[in-house]
Structures are given as C-alpha cells and as structure tokens.
Amino acid sequence: MVAGSVSGWRLAPTTGASSIPTLVQELRRGHLVAGGRGPAATGFEPIDTVLDGGLLPGELVLVGGQPGAGKTILALQWARYLAGRGRPVIYACYEHDEAALFHRLLVQELAVLDPAAEPGERIEARAVARELTLGTATMAEAMTRSPLVGHAVAGLERSLSHLLLLSASARATTADELVRQVDEQTGPGAVLIVDYLQKVPAAGGPSVEERVARTVEVMKELAVSRRVTVVALAAAGAKGIEAGRLRLHQLRGADALAHECDIALVLNDKATAVADHHLKFDLTRLDDARRRTVVSVEKNRRGEANLHLELTRDFANFRFEPRGAFLSEAMSDA
C-alpha cells in the first residue's frame, strides 16, 4: 500500500508527526481542530446535548435504521439546519436525485414557514410543490396557486447557499469521487452526508462486509485528514430488517461500521422497540408510540452511550419535530 492510500483509494499524503510544543502553538493560533471550527449543532435536542454541542470535524457519525425509519429525513433535516447557519454541507444521495431532495427540503420549509396556515392551505402547498419539482407546473403557476410555495422557494434560495446536493451513482460515485468533491467544494469544518454507505461502489471481494469495510475505512480517513464530519447512513441487514428493535450489530457490514465510527445512532419505531409491558395493555400509549421514533446512541467515543431519545414523526412534511426527549420506557432486549 502506498503512502496516503487507504484500501486502494488514494488520499493526499499525510504530514509528518507533530511534537507537543507544535500542537500547543497550533492550539494558541486556533488552528488545531478544523481551522477553528467548533461543533456543528444539528438543531435537534437532546441530540446536541448528548453530543456536547453537535457534530465534530474529524468524526465519522453513523445513522442506522430499517427501511422507512426516517434516516434520510433526519439527515436532510440536519443538512438544512447546518447549511442555514453557514456550515458547508455536501449531501451525496444514492437513493434520490437532486429534484427529489429539493422537493423534500421545500416541504420542510413549508412546514415551518407559516405556523398559522390552515390545514387545507398546507395540503395544497405540498401538492403544488410536488408539481413544481416534477416539472408539471411552472414557477409562475406554482406561485399563483400557492403563495406559500413562492415564499418557501425564496427562503431556500436565501438560506441554503452552503448546501450542495449530489445525485450519486452506485456505479460511478466512488469513495474517491466523494473525496474529490470534499476537496474541491468545501474545506475544514464541512459536513459530508452519505446516503447511504452500503451503496458506495467499492473494489474488492464479492461480500458486502468486504465492500463496506473498504468504504468505511476511506470515509474515516477522509474525516480525519480533511477535518470534516462524515455522516454515513447505513442500512439494516436481513436479520435487522425483521427485528422488532434494530441494533448496531445488525447493520450490513456491522463489524467494520462498529469499529470505525465515532458515534452510532440507531433509529427504531418506538411501538416495536420498547419493552412489551409498557404498551401491551394500553392502546392509547401504543397509538402514541406509533408516531414516535427512538434514537439510540449505541456508540459515543466522546461521551455517554447506551442512551435512548425519542422524536415525534411528521413524515407528511418529511421531518421530525426537532425538540425531543429522553426515553422514559425501557427498551426491548429482543
């Protein structure tokens, strides 16, 4: 393996070892960590509290979940919040193109733009937003039918200049290409979101484990060497899809993921993830649980792990309510 290469991918050569006095001088200049960029808040509580302020440069953050758990919704909501506060973000998606992602951002914007809007007005605005991004309505037609849509588009244009959407290809958008995008489009303190990790094309053996291992190694190296945060979404394996409560070890390529990541968050439906005795005989609580997602902190290299938080879903608007709470119920061991 050549210098600066990780599992077949070539990164920029690393610098030599640094003495403690040198690092102290860098610290005094404010350049030791990400050129002076501190934690990037996600806008979610108590997630930011648990993460001591948010996402840190140099870290690989894993977000796992079963199909439909809300991984993309959560990550795109993070991206919108981060970019809206000046943090450069690349959202590389192997599942949706730029138009589909923009549509989700637009609906998110509609949901918070005018809290006093009537339900019918919101439903109409969502329908118009869909037609606009599908190309079946022009901007002028959309603004005439729903002024809210025009305001939402203007809001995104004004606030999200730091967000780049990349329609990634499972054939062409390799880990090398993601490295190139970070190098050319951003700098220290930026955030790269990969949706999702197991679709990044990788050379090597036929097994998912080998391909995931190669990909996750270069993503971690990218985070450390470029002083960026990499947020990688991860899919459940076959046994994890069937589980009532998904765990970190049930993700596809779990061994490499668990080893390389700094933080691992696993999403679960609250109705199936908490212990049976909390909901089995209370239909009201069961119905409420079906509207909530549990975010379990299964690994946290810089703080407490084995914590469970809950968020209320608003999937009609492609979002979670950002203000959550610590889970009061016990989780299922199954």
Protein backbone atom coordinates (compact mmCIF):
# COMPACT_ATOMS: atom_id res chain seq x y z
CA MET A 1 0.00 0.00 0.00
CA VAL A 2 1.45 3.40 -0.99
CA ALA A 3 1.69 6.33 1.37
CA GLY A 4 -1.59 8.18 1.60
CA SER A 5 -3.59 5.20 0.35
CA VAL A 6 -6.41 3.50 2.22
CA SER A 7 -7.72 0.16 0.97
CA GLY A 8 -6.96 1.01 -2.64
CA TRP A 9 -8.08 4.66 -2.55
CA ARG A 10 -5.50 7.40 -2.82
CA LEU A 11 -5.69 10.35 -0.45
CA ALA A 12 -3.34 13.30 -0.17
CA PRO A 13 -0.06 12.40 1.58
CA THR A 14 -0.21 12.88 5.31
CA THR A 15 2.13 15.26 7.10
CA GLY A 16 4.83 14.12 9.48
CA ALA A 17 4.36 13.58 13.19
CA SER A 18 3.85 16.71 15.30
CA SER A 19 5.53 17.45 18.60
CA ILE A 20 3.52 18.58 21.62
CA PRO A 21 5.02 22.12 21.53
CA THR A 22 3.99 22.38 17.86
CA LEU A 23 0.46 21.32 18.70
CA VAL A 24 0.34 23.83 21.55
CA GLN A 25 1.32 26.58 19.12
CA GLU A 26 -1.41 25.45 16.74
CA LEU A 27 -3.86 25.50 19.63
CA ARG A 28 -2.87 29.05 20.53
CA ARG A 29 -3.46 30.11 16.95
CA GLY A 30 -6.87 28.45 16.94
CA HIS A 31 -5.97 26.05 14.13
CA LEU A 32 -5.58 22.73 15.91
CA VAL A 33 -9.09 21.46 15.20
CA ALA A 34 -10.77 22.18 11.85
CA GLY A 35 -9.21 25.61 11.44
CA GLY A 36 -11.11 26.96 14.43
CA ARG A 37 -14.49 25.43 13.52
CA GLY A 38 -16.26 24.10 16.59
CA PRO A 39 -19.13 21.62 16.92
CA ALA A 40 -21.87 21.88 14.33
CA ALA A 41 -25.27 21.79 16.01
CA THR A 42 -27.86 19.60 14.29
CA GLY A 43 -30.78 21.63 15.65
CA PHE A 44 -32.14 18.59 17.49
CA GLU A 45 -32.44 18.31 21.25
CA PRO A 46 -31.46 16.40 23.26
CA ILE A 47 -29.22 15.00 20.48
CA ASP A 48 -26.99 18.10 20.52
CA THR A 49 -26.75 17.95 24.30
CA VAL A 50 -25.68 14.29 24.21
CA LEU A 51 -23.11 15.13 21.52
CA ASP A 52 -21.69 18.08 23.51
CA GLY A 53 -22.90 20.66 21.04
CA GLY A 54 -23.22 18.68 17.83
CA LEU A 55 -21.06 17.14 15.12
CA LEU A 56 -17.28 17.48 15.34
CA PRO A 57 -14.75 17.66 12.48
CA GLY A 58 -12.67 14.51 12.16
CA GLU A 59 -15.51 12.20 13.16
CA LEU A 60 -17.48 9.52 11.35
CA VAL A 61 -21.10 9.55 12.53
CA LEU A 62 -23.24 6.53 11.68
CA VAL A 63 -27.03 6.72 11.39
CA GLY A 64 -28.60 3.27 11.02
CA GLY A 65 -32.17 2.15 10.64
CA GLN A 66 -34.61 -0.19 8.96
CA PRO A 67 -36.27 0.81 5.66
CA GLY A 68 -38.67 3.68 6.30
CA ALA A 69 -37.21 4.52 9.72
CA GLY A 70 -36.50 8.11 8.69
CA LYS A 71 -32.73 8.06 8.09
CA THR A 72 -32.91 10.30 5.02
CA ILE A 73 -35.48 12.57 6.65
CA LEU A 74 -33.29 13.09 9.71
CA ALA A 75 -30.07 13.59 7.73
CA LEU A 76 -31.64 16.03 5.26
CA GLN A 77 -33.15 17.97 8.14
CA TRP A 78 -29.69 18.15 9.71
CA ALA A 79 -28.25 19.33 6.40
CA ARG A 80 -30.84 22.10 6.10
CA TYR A 81 -30.16 23.31 9.63
CA LEU A 82 -26.36 23.17 9.30
CA ALA A 83 -26.23 24.91 5.92
CA GLY A 84 -28.71 27.54 7.07
CA ARG A 85 -26.18 28.54 9.72
CA GLY A 86 -23.24 28.77 7.36
CA ARG A 87 -21.78 25.26 7.65
CA PRO A 88 -20.77 23.86 4.22
CA VAL A 89 -22.64 20.59 3.58
CA ILE A 90 -22.47 18.07 0.73
CA TYR A 91 -25.43 15.69 0.67
CA ALA A 92 -24.45 12.73 -1.54
CA CYS A 93 -27.52 10.57 -2.12
CA TYR A 94 -27.56 7.19 -3.85
CA GLU A 95 -31.35 6.87 -3.43
CA HIS A 96 -32.82 10.12 -4.80
CA ASP A 97 -31.89 12.73 -7.39
CA GLU A 98 -31.50 16.46 -6.75
CA ALA A 99 -35.11 17.24 -7.66
CA ALA A 100 -36.47 14.72 -5.16
CA LEU A 101 -34.19 16.05 -2.42
CA PHE A 102 -35.11 19.64 -3.24
CA HIS A 103 -38.79 18.67 -3.01
CA ARG A 104 -38.26 17.33 0.50
CA LEU A 105 -36.42 20.47 1.53
CA LEU A 106 -39.22 22.56 0.08
CA VAL A 107 -41.88 20.67 2.03
CA GLN A 108 -39.79 21.01 5.20
CA GLU A 109 -39.66 24.76 4.58
CA LEU A 110 -43.41 24.90 4.05
CA ALA A 111 -43.99 23.15 7.38
CA VAL A 112 -42.24 25.87 9.39
CA LEU A 113 -42.85 28.90 7.18
CA ASP A 114 -46.30 29.89 8.44
CA PRO A 115 -47.47 28.06 11.57
CA ALA A 116 -50.86 29.81 11.34
CA ALA A 117 -51.65 28.50 7.84
CA GLU A 118 -54.85 26.48 7.53
CA PRO A 119 -54.51 22.69 7.05
CA GLY A 120 -56.12 22.90 3.62
CA GLU A 121 -53.68 25.60 2.58
CA ARG A 122 -50.75 23.42 3.66
CA ILE A 123 -52.07 20.39 1.79
CA GLU A 124 -52.50 22.49 -1.36
CA ALA A 125 -48.99 23.92 -0.94
CA ARG A 126 -47.50 20.42 -0.70
CA ALA A 127 -49.35 19.36 -3.86
CA VAL A 128 -48.12 22.42 -5.74
CA ALA A 129 -44.58 21.84 -4.50
CA ARG A 130 -44.72 18.30 -5.88
CA GLU A 131 -45.93 19.52 -9.28
CA LEU A 132 -43.23 22.18 -9.35
CA THR A 133 -40.37 19.76 -8.72
CA LEU A 134 -41.86 17.19 -11.12
CA GLY A 135 -41.95 19.83 -13.84
CA THR A 136 -45.71 19.67 -14.37
CA ALA A 137 -46.15 23.25 -13.13
CA THR A 138 -44.05 26.34 -13.80
CA MET A 139 -42.76 28.61 -11.06
CA ALA A 140 -45.24 31.29 -12.07
CA GLU A 141 -48.15 28.82 -11.93
CA ALA A 142 -46.98 27.49 -8.56
CA MET A 143 -46.74 30.96 -7.02
CA THR A 144 -50.19 31.87 -8.33
CA ARG A 145 -51.82 28.75 -6.91
CA SER A 146 -49.94 28.82 -3.61
CA PRO A 147 -48.07 31.94 -2.48
CA LEU A 148 -46.62 29.81 0.33
CA VAL A 149 -44.63 27.83 -2.23
CA GLY A 150 -43.11 31.01 -3.63
CA HIS A 151 -42.10 32.14 -0.15
CA ALA A 152 -40.63 28.70 0.61
CA VAL A 153 -38.55 28.65 -2.59
CA ALA A 154 -37.25 32.14 -1.83
CA GLY A 155 -36.40 31.04 1.71
CA LEU A 156 -34.37 28.07 0.50
CA GLU A 157 -32.58 30.17 -2.08
CA ARG A 158 -31.72 32.77 0.53
CA SER A 159 -30.59 30.46 3.35
CA LEU A 160 -29.12 27.32 1.75
CA SER A 161 -26.28 28.58 -0.42
CA HIS A 162 -23.93 26.37 1.62
CA LEU A 163 -25.80 23.15 0.81
CA LEU A 164 -24.73 21.07 -2.20
CA LEU A 165 -26.95 18.21 -3.37
CA LEU A 166 -25.18 15.40 -5.23
CA SER A 167 -27.16 12.73 -7.07
CA ALA A 168 -24.72 9.88 -6.53
CA SER A 169 -24.38 6.81 -8.74
CA ALA A 170 -23.87 3.29 -7.42
CA ARG A 171 -21.62 2.72 -10.44
CA ALA A 172 -19.65 5.96 -10.73
CA THR A 173 -19.68 7.87 -7.42
CA THR A 174 -16.87 6.01 -5.71
CA ALA A 175 -15.23 6.91 -2.43
CA ASP A 176 -12.52 8.62 -4.50
CA GLU A 177 -15.18 10.81 -6.07
CA LEU A 178 -16.57 11.75 -2.66
CA VAL A 179 -13.04 12.71 -1.56
CA ARG A 180 -12.70 14.86 -4.70
CA GLN A 181 -15.99 16.60 -4.02
CA VAL A 182 -14.92 17.46 -0.48
CA ASP A 183 -11.53 18.73 -1.68
CA GLU A 184 -12.97 20.87 -4.48
CA GLN A 185 -16.18 22.13 -2.90
CA THR A 186 -15.52 22.53 0.83
CA GLY A 187 -12.86 22.88 3.49
CA PRO A 188 -12.20 22.11 7.15
CA GLY A 189 -15.34 22.09 9.27
CA ALA A 190 -17.60 20.96 6.43
CA VAL A 191 -20.04 18.06 6.65
CA LEU A 192 -20.35 15.25 4.10
CA ILE A 193 -23.55 13.20 4.34
CA VAL A 194 -23.52 9.85 2.52
CA ASP A 195 -26.98 8.36 1.90
CA TYR A 196 -26.28 5.53 2.12
CA LEU A 197 -22.91 3.90 2.85
CA GLN A 198 -23.56 0.39 1.52
CA LYS A 199 -24.28 1.79 -1.96
CA VAL A 200 -20.89 3.42 -2.41
CA PRO A 201 -19.19 1.36 -5.15
CA ALA A 202 -16.07 -0.36 -3.90
CA ALA A 203 -13.45 -2.64 -5.40
CA GLY A 204 -12.67 -5.94 -3.78
CA GLY A 205 -14.35 -9.22 -2.99
CA PRO A 206 -17.99 -10.05 -3.58
CA SER A 207 -19.06 -9.94 0.06
CA VAL A 208 -20.93 -6.95 1.45
CA GLU A 209 -18.65 -7.00 4.50
CA GLU A 210 -15.51 -6.51 2.41
CA ARG A 211 -17.01 -3.70 0.35
CA VAL A 212 -18.38 -1.91 3.40
CA ALA A 213 -15.03 -2.28 5.19
CA ARG A 214 -13.19 -0.65 2.30
CA THR A 215 -15.68 2.19 2.07
CA VAL A 216 -15.89 2.94 5.77
CA GLU A 217 -12.10 2.98 6.08
CA VAL A 218 -11.73 5.72 3.49
CA MET A 219 -14.66 7.69 4.95
CA LYS A 220 -12.97 7.69 8.34
CA GLU A 221 -9.64 8.65 6.77
CA LEU A 222 -11.40 11.42 4.86
CA ALA A 223 -12.92 12.81 8.07
CA VAL A 224 -9.59 12.81 9.91
CA SER A 225 -7.30 14.01 7.10
CA ARG A 226 -9.64 16.76 5.81
CA ARG A 227 -11.00 17.77 9.23
CA VAL A 228 -14.60 17.33 8.14
CA THR A 229 -17.51 15.42 9.61
CA VAL A 230 -18.78 12.45 7.65
CA VAL A 231 -22.34 11.40 8.43
CA ALA A 232 -22.97 7.98 6.90
CA LEU A 233 -26.42 6.44 6.69
CA ALA A 234 -26.41 2.66 6.99
CA ALA A 235 -28.97 0.02 6.04
CA ALA A 236 -30.09 -2.91 8.14
CA GLY A 237 -29.01 -6.44 7.27
CA ALA A 238 -31.52 -9.24 6.64
CA LYS A 239 -31.89 -10.12 10.31
CA GLY A 240 -32.09 -6.45 11.25
CA ILE A 241 -34.99 -5.82 8.87
CA GLU A 242 -37.01 -8.50 10.66
CA ALA A 243 -36.08 -7.38 14.18
CA GLY A 244 -38.50 -5.54 16.40
CA ARG A 245 -35.57 -3.48 17.61
CA LEU A 246 -32.61 -2.93 15.31
CA ARG A 247 -29.16 -2.93 16.90
CA LEU A 248 -25.78 -1.76 15.65
CA HIS A 249 -24.53 -5.31 15.11
CA GLN A 250 -27.47 -5.98 12.75
CA LEU A 251 -26.44 -3.40 10.14
CA ARG A 252 -24.96 -4.58 6.84
CA GLY A 253 -21.20 -4.82 7.30
CA ALA A 254 -21.61 -4.20 11.02
CA ASP A 255 -18.13 -5.28 12.12
CA ALA A 256 -16.35 -2.57 10.12
CA LEU A 257 -19.02 0.04 10.84
CA ALA A 258 -18.88 -0.50 14.59
CA HIS A 259 -15.08 -0.40 14.62
CA GLU A 260 -14.55 2.73 12.52
CA CYS A 261 -17.38 5.03 13.57
CA ASP A 262 -17.03 7.53 16.40
CA ILE A 263 -20.75 7.87 17.03
CA ALA A 264 -23.50 5.40 16.14
CA LEU A 265 -27.17 6.37 16.23
CA VAL A 266 -29.77 3.69 15.51
CA LEU A 267 -33.37 4.59 14.65
CA ASN A 268 -36.30 2.38 15.67
CA ASP A 269 -40.09 2.58 15.72
CA LYS A 270 -40.98 3.17 19.35
CA ALA A 271 -44.00 0.85 19.14
CA THR A 272 -41.79 -2.15 18.45
CA ALA A 273 -38.57 -1.10 20.18
CA VAL A 274 -39.69 -0.57 23.78
CA ALA A 275 -40.40 -3.41 26.18
CA ASP A 276 -43.83 -5.02 25.69
CA HIS A 277 -45.15 -4.32 29.16
CA HIS A 278 -45.18 -0.56 28.54
CA LEU A 279 -47.67 -0.71 25.66
CA LYS A 280 -49.29 -4.14 25.61
CA PHE A 281 -52.31 -3.23 27.72
CA ASP A 282 -52.58 0.48 26.94
CA LEU A 283 -53.92 1.21 23.45
CA THR A 284 -53.64 4.96 23.92
CA ARG A 285 -49.92 4.74 24.68
CA LEU A 286 -49.46 2.27 21.83
CA ASP A 287 -51.10 4.66 19.37
CA ASP A 288 -48.89 7.48 20.61
CA ALA A 289 -45.78 5.28 20.31
CA ARG A 290 -46.57 4.58 16.66
CA ARG A 291 -45.99 8.27 15.96
CA ARG A 292 -42.55 8.31 17.55
CA THR A 293 -39.04 7.18 16.69
CA VAL A 294 -36.42 6.12 19.22
CA VAL A 295 -32.86 7.29 18.54
CA SER A 296 -30.44 5.06 20.43
CA VAL A 297 -26.87 6.24 21.00
CA GLU A 298 -25.15 2.87 20.72
CA LYS A 299 -21.60 4.23 20.48
CA ASN A 300 -20.13 7.56 21.50
CA ARG A 301 -16.35 7.88 21.71
CA ARG A 302 -16.51 11.28 23.38
CA GLY A 303 -19.36 10.85 25.80
CA GLU A 304 -22.05 8.66 27.25
CA ALA A 305 -23.53 5.83 25.19
CA ASN A 306 -26.48 3.48 25.66
CA LEU A 307 -28.83 6.46 25.82
CA HIS A 308 -32.25 6.44 24.17
CA LEU A 309 -34.02 9.54 22.89
CA GLU A 310 -37.40 9.89 21.22
CA LEU A 311 -38.58 12.14 18.41
CA THR A 312 -42.09 12.79 17.10
CA ARG A 313 -42.52 12.00 13.41
CA ASP A 314 -44.01 14.48 10.94
CA PHE A 315 -43.37 12.40 7.85
CA ALA A 316 -46.13 14.10 5.84
CA ASN A 317 -43.75 17.07 5.86
CA PHE A 318 -40.55 14.96 5.55
CA ARG A 319 -39.39 15.94 9.02
CA PHE A 320 -39.14 15.14 12.70
CA GLU A 321 -40.06 17.59 15.41
CA PRO A 322 -36.58 18.79 16.45
CA ARG A 323 -37.47 19.04 20.13
CA GLY A 324 -37.41 15.52 21.53
CA ALA A 325 -36.91 13.96 24.94
CA PHE A 326 -35.05 11.22 26.73
CA LEU A 327 -36.98 7.97 26.60
CA SER A 328 -38.68 7.08 29.88
CA GLU A 329 -39.56 3.49 28.98
CA ALA A 330 -37.21 0.52 28.97
CA MET A 331 -36.07 -0.80 25.60
CA SER A 332 -36.79 -4.32 24.43
CA ASP A 333 -33.93 -6.80 24.66
CA ALA A 334 -35.23 -8.76 21.65
